[in-house]
Amino acid sequence: MKRQDQPHGSRCGRLLNGGIPCDLTKLPRCQAKSKTSGKQCRQPAMRGKRVCRFHGGKSPGAPKGNQYAFKSGLHTAAAIRERHLVRELLKSATEILHELESQW
């Protein structure tokens, strides 16, 4: 039932999908900013999040425990130490070779 004094009918009552009616202008806004214009997104932020559904508010984030974080071991302390030792060994080997070449 439309009311004559409002162009889109009454703004109170239950919504179709069981949502709670509220004033969307009073909701907190998304904190994401555009790279080109620098303006803030004007969409309402998701409940309990700082950003809207378009900017990652709907994403649950990384899994707990992050079991996939360890990929190759390339940057572990042991691997870095081993590469450092190999580099020093190669450096000393090239110095010895240069010394031997200069003696001939």
Protein backbone atom coordinates (compact mmCIF):
# COMPACT_ATOMS: atom_id res chain seq x y z
CA MET A 1 0.00 0.00 0.00
CA LYS A 2 1.56 3.30 -1.12
CA ARG A 3 1.20 6.45 0.83
CA GLN A 4 0.50 9.54 -1.21
CA ASP A 5 2.87 11.87 0.67
CA GLN A 6 5.95 9.68 0.01
CA PRO A 7 7.04 8.90 -3.57
CA HIS A 8 8.12 5.32 -2.90
CA GLY A 9 5.56 4.34 -0.30
CA SER A 10 6.10 3.75 3.37
CA ARG A 11 9.68 3.13 4.53
CA CYS A 12 8.77 1.20 7.65
CA GLY A 13 7.86 -2.43 8.26
CA ARG A 14 9.59 -5.76 7.58
CA LEU A 15 11.73 -6.28 4.51
CA LEU A 16 11.11 -9.13 2.07
CA ASN A 17 14.00 -11.38 3.16
CA GLY A 18 13.54 -10.87 6.86
CA GLY A 19 16.02 -8.01 7.12
CA ILE A 20 15.64 -5.27 9.68
CA PRO A 21 14.67 -1.91 8.18
CA CYS A 22 17.10 0.89 8.96
CA ASP A 23 18.31 4.22 7.69
CA LEU A 24 21.22 3.41 5.33
CA THR A 25 22.62 6.91 5.62
CA LYS A 26 23.52 6.31 9.27
CA LEU A 27 25.55 3.15 8.65
CA PRO A 28 29.38 3.33 8.86
CA ARG A 29 31.00 3.82 5.47
CA CYS A 30 33.64 1.68 3.75
CA GLN A 31 37.20 2.84 4.54
CA ALA A 32 38.64 1.84 1.12
CA LYS A 33 39.97 4.66 -1.04
CA SER A 34 40.37 4.90 -4.78
CA LYS A 35 43.93 4.80 -6.12
CA THR A 36 43.21 7.27 -8.91
CA SER A 37 40.94 9.87 -7.31
CA GLY A 38 41.79 9.31 -3.65
CA LYS A 39 38.12 9.47 -2.72
CA GLN A 40 36.58 7.17 -0.14
CA CYS A 41 34.14 4.44 -1.19
CA ARG A 42 30.57 5.42 -0.37
CA GLN A 43 29.18 1.91 0.17
CA PRO A 44 28.11 0.91 3.69
CA ALA A 45 30.68 -1.22 5.49
CA MET A 46 29.76 -4.78 6.44
CA ARG A 47 28.80 -5.47 10.04
CA GLY A 48 31.97 -5.88 12.12
CA LYS A 49 34.27 -4.94 9.21
CA ARG A 50 35.91 -1.72 8.03
CA VAL A 51 35.19 -2.25 4.33
CA CYS A 52 32.22 -3.09 2.11
CA ARG A 53 31.59 -6.41 0.34
CA PHE A 54 33.25 -5.11 -2.83
CA HIS A 55 36.53 -4.32 -1.05
CA GLY A 56 36.96 -7.57 0.88
CA GLY A 57 34.51 -7.31 3.74
CA LYS A 58 32.84 -10.54 2.67
CA SER A 59 36.14 -12.45 2.61
CA PRO A 60 36.74 -14.53 5.73
CA GLY A 61 40.52 -14.01 5.50
CA ALA A 62 43.35 -16.52 5.69
CA PRO A 63 42.65 -19.92 7.23
CA LYS A 64 43.48 -20.39 10.90
CA GLY A 65 46.92 -21.85 11.46
CA ASN A 66 47.95 -21.06 7.87
CA GLN A 67 49.09 -24.57 7.02
CA TYR A 68 50.12 -23.51 3.51
CA ALA A 69 52.58 -20.79 4.56
CA PHE A 70 55.67 -23.02 4.40
CA LYS A 71 56.27 -23.53 0.69
CA SER A 72 59.90 -24.20 -0.18
CA GLY A 73 62.13 -23.43 2.79
CA LEU A 74 64.15 -21.01 0.65
CA HIS A 75 64.02 -18.25 3.25
CA THR A 76 64.50 -20.25 6.44
CA ALA A 77 67.41 -19.32 8.69
CA ALA A 78 69.23 -22.58 7.92
CA ALA A 79 68.94 -22.08 4.15
CA ILE A 80 70.19 -18.50 4.35
CA ARG A 81 73.13 -19.56 6.52
CA GLU A 82 73.99 -22.37 4.06
CA ARG A 83 73.92 -19.99 1.07
CA HIS A 84 76.16 -17.57 2.97
CA LEU A 85 78.69 -20.33 3.69
CA VAL A 86 78.66 -21.49 0.05
CA ARG A 87 79.21 -17.90 -1.11
CA GLU A 88 82.19 -17.52 1.24
CA LEU A 89 83.62 -20.85 0.06
CA LEU A 90 83.34 -19.81 -3.60
CA LYS A 91 84.92 -16.47 -2.83
CA SER A 92 87.89 -18.06 -1.10
CA ALA A 93 88.23 -20.63 -3.92
CA THR A 94 88.38 -17.90 -6.59
CA GLU A 95 90.98 -16.01 -4.54
CA ILE A 96 93.14 -19.16 -4.34
CA LEU A 97 92.79 -19.70 -8.10
CA HIS A 98 93.85 -16.10 -8.80
CA GLU A 99 96.89 -16.55 -6.56
CA LEU A 100 97.86 -19.76 -8.39
CA GLU A 101 97.45 -18.09 -11.79
CA SER A 102 99.64 -15.19 -10.74
CA GLN A 103 102.43 -17.58 -9.70
CA TRP A 104 102.62 -19.22 -13.14
